[in-house]
Amino acid sequence: MTKETGGSGCQQCKKGPPTLEEPLAALREAVLDGRVAEVEELLDAGQLVNADLGSGATPMHMAIQEGRVEVVKALLARGADLASATRAGWTPAHMVAFADNVEIAKLLLAAGMSLSATNIHGHTPLDLAKAHNKTEVLALFKKVGKKG
């Protein structure tokens, strides 16, 4: 259990996912399950790529949390906001730091993800990677930081 996550598995809440109206619930489930075609269909039908799926988490936050690389690619193609923050102040950069997913981190960095945002505890994505020993993403972030 960590101070950041509350030990719940969901970085944003301790009670589990909130109840959502359809079709937001369908979008959340499609993202979590990695069903790219369904995500794209729901977005084509008018769902917002940056919709609040609970506690300020967007489809991008959830795709990163679940390691859904293809969903991340689809959301990036649709213009997902890489600066969007949950109520806890977690941006996609914070999510990918905690998830320690280098493949997704590289995609997000190539799309212009910033590593400078701070969450409600004042932690940057680099701080999270260090504090939680997320070695792969930490090495990538340090490498990017030296170039920038």
Protein backbone atom coordinates (compact mmCIF):
# COMPACT_ATOMS: atom_id res chain seq x y z
CA MET A 1 0.00 0.00 0.00
CA THR A 2 1.32 3.42 -0.88
CA LYS A 3 0.36 6.94 -0.03
CA GLU A 4 -0.09 7.66 -3.75
CA THR A 5 -2.49 4.84 -4.54
CA GLY A 6 -4.14 4.10 -1.24
CA GLY A 7 -3.45 0.43 -2.02
CA SER A 8 -6.66 0.14 -4.00
CA GLY A 9 -5.30 -0.81 -7.40
CA CYS A 10 -6.96 2.29 -8.80
CA GLN A 11 -4.65 5.27 -8.50
CA GLN A 12 -7.56 7.67 -8.31
CA CYS A 13 -10.05 6.33 -5.79
CA LYS A 14 -10.41 3.95 -2.90
CA LYS A 15 -14.00 2.87 -3.56
CA GLY A 16 -13.58 1.35 -7.01
CA PRO A 17 -14.78 2.82 -10.26
CA PRO A 18 -17.73 5.19 -10.13
CA THR A 19 -21.03 4.31 -11.69
CA LEU A 20 -21.26 5.88 -15.13
CA GLU A 21 -24.18 6.38 -17.48
CA GLU A 22 -24.09 4.64 -20.83
CA PRO A 23 -22.29 5.17 -23.19
CA LEU A 24 -19.51 6.45 -20.88
CA ALA A 25 -19.56 3.12 -19.05
CA ALA A 26 -19.15 1.35 -22.38
CA LEU A 27 -16.20 3.58 -23.26
CA ARG A 28 -14.52 2.91 -19.92
CA GLU A 29 -14.99 -0.85 -20.28
CA ALA A 30 -13.74 -0.88 -23.88
CA VAL A 31 -10.62 1.05 -22.84
CA LEU A 32 -9.96 -1.17 -19.82
CA ASP A 33 -10.42 -4.33 -21.88
CA GLY A 34 -8.27 -3.03 -24.75
CA ARG A 35 -11.05 -3.26 -27.35
CA VAL A 36 -9.61 -0.70 -29.79
CA ALA A 37 -12.31 -1.03 -32.47
CA GLU A 38 -15.03 -0.46 -29.89
CA VAL A 39 -13.21 2.55 -28.45
CA GLU A 40 -12.98 4.03 -31.93
CA GLU A 41 -16.66 3.32 -32.64
CA LEU A 42 -17.70 5.05 -29.43
CA LEU A 43 -15.53 8.05 -30.25
CA ASP A 44 -16.97 8.13 -33.78
CA ALA A 45 -20.44 8.13 -32.21
CA GLY A 46 -19.67 11.27 -30.24
CA GLN A 47 -17.98 10.24 -27.02
CA LEU A 48 -15.20 12.63 -26.07
CA VAL A 49 -11.61 11.44 -26.25
CA ASN A 50 -10.97 13.33 -22.99
CA ALA A 51 -14.19 12.29 -21.24
CA ASP A 52 -14.14 12.11 -17.45
CA LEU A 53 -14.53 8.41 -16.69
CA GLY A 54 -14.34 8.91 -12.96
CA SER A 55 -12.31 11.14 -10.64
CA GLY A 56 -11.10 13.10 -13.64
CA ALA A 57 -9.47 10.07 -15.25
CA THR A 58 -9.72 10.13 -19.02
CA PRO A 59 -9.61 7.18 -21.39
CA MET A 60 -5.87 7.89 -21.75
CA HIS A 61 -5.27 7.59 -18.01
CA MET A 62 -7.09 4.26 -17.94
CA ALA A 63 -5.41 2.89 -21.05
CA ILE A 64 -2.01 3.66 -19.54
CA GLN A 65 -2.97 2.13 -16.20
CA GLU A 66 -3.96 -1.10 -17.94
CA GLY A 67 -1.00 -1.13 -20.36
CA ARG A 68 -3.26 -0.95 -23.42
CA VAL A 69 -0.70 0.15 -26.02
CA GLU A 70 -3.05 -0.04 -29.01
CA VAL A 71 -5.73 1.95 -27.19
CA VAL A 72 -3.11 4.58 -26.30
CA LYS A 73 -2.17 4.81 -30.00
CA ALA A 74 -5.82 5.21 -30.99
CA LEU A 75 -6.39 7.91 -28.36
CA LEU A 76 -3.27 9.78 -29.45
CA ALA A 77 -4.51 9.67 -33.04
CA ARG A 78 -7.75 11.27 -31.82
CA GLY A 79 -5.94 14.11 -30.05
CA ALA A 80 -6.06 12.96 -26.43
CA ASP A 81 -4.92 15.69 -24.04
CA LEU A 82 -1.59 14.70 -22.50
CA ALA A 83 -1.87 17.49 -19.93
CA SER A 84 -5.24 16.37 -18.56
CA ALA A 85 -5.12 15.75 -14.83
CA THR A 86 -7.22 13.65 -12.51
CA ARG A 87 -8.58 15.11 -9.29
CA ALA A 88 -5.39 13.85 -7.64
CA GLY A 89 -3.38 15.81 -10.20
CA TRP A 90 -2.12 12.76 -12.09
CA THR A 91 -1.39 13.43 -15.74
CA PRO A 92 -0.74 10.70 -18.30
CA ALA A 93 2.96 11.23 -17.47
CA HIS A 94 2.31 10.34 -13.83
CA MET A 95 0.31 7.29 -14.89
CA VAL A 96 3.02 5.97 -17.20
CA ALA A 97 5.71 6.61 -14.58
CA PHE A 98 3.79 4.55 -12.05
CA ALA A 99 2.93 1.84 -14.60
CA ASP A 100 6.62 1.60 -15.65
CA ASN A 101 5.62 0.97 -19.26
CA VAL A 102 8.48 2.09 -21.51
CA GLU A 103 6.62 1.36 -24.75
CA ILE A 104 3.75 3.66 -23.78
CA ALA A 105 6.16 6.24 -22.32
CA LYS A 106 8.00 6.45 -25.65
CA LEU A 107 4.71 6.94 -27.52
CA LEU A 108 3.64 9.70 -25.15
CA LEU A 109 7.02 11.43 -25.21
CA ALA A 110 6.99 11.38 -29.02
CA ALA A 111 3.53 12.98 -28.88
CA GLY A 112 4.82 15.82 -26.69
CA MET A 113 4.16 14.63 -23.14
CA SER A 114 5.62 16.93 -20.49
CA LEU A 115 7.40 15.57 -17.42
CA SER A 116 7.08 18.78 -15.41
CA ALA A 117 3.51 18.56 -14.05
CA THR A 118 3.05 18.00 -10.33
CA ASN A 119 0.26 16.07 -8.65
CA ILE A 120 -1.57 17.16 -5.48
CA HIS A 121 1.38 15.93 -3.42
CA GLY A 122 3.81 18.03 -5.46
CA HIS A 123 5.33 15.00 -7.19
CA THR A 124 6.45 15.04 -10.80
CA PRO A 125 6.39 11.89 -12.92
CA LEU A 126 10.14 11.55 -12.34
CA ASP A 127 9.57 11.77 -8.58
CA LEU A 128 7.02 8.93 -8.79
CA ALA A 129 9.33 6.75 -10.88
CA LYS A 130 12.14 7.28 -8.34
CA ALA A 131 9.99 6.79 -5.23
CA HIS A 132 8.40 3.59 -6.52
CA ASN A 133 11.55 2.15 -8.08
CA LYS A 134 10.12 2.14 -11.62
CA THR A 135 13.56 1.61 -13.11
CA GLU A 136 12.76 1.28 -16.81
CA VAL A 137 10.71 4.45 -17.10
CA LEU A 138 13.07 6.26 -14.73
CA ALA A 139 16.00 5.54 -17.04
CA LEU A 140 14.01 6.76 -20.06
CA PHE A 141 12.89 9.95 -18.27
CA LYS A 142 16.47 10.69 -17.18
CA LYS A 143 17.71 10.15 -20.75
CA VAL A 144 15.03 12.49 -22.11
CA GLY A 145 15.82 15.05 -19.42
CA LYS A 146 19.49 15.16 -20.46
CA LYS A 147 18.48 15.85 -24.07
CA GLY A 148 15.99 18.56 -23.12
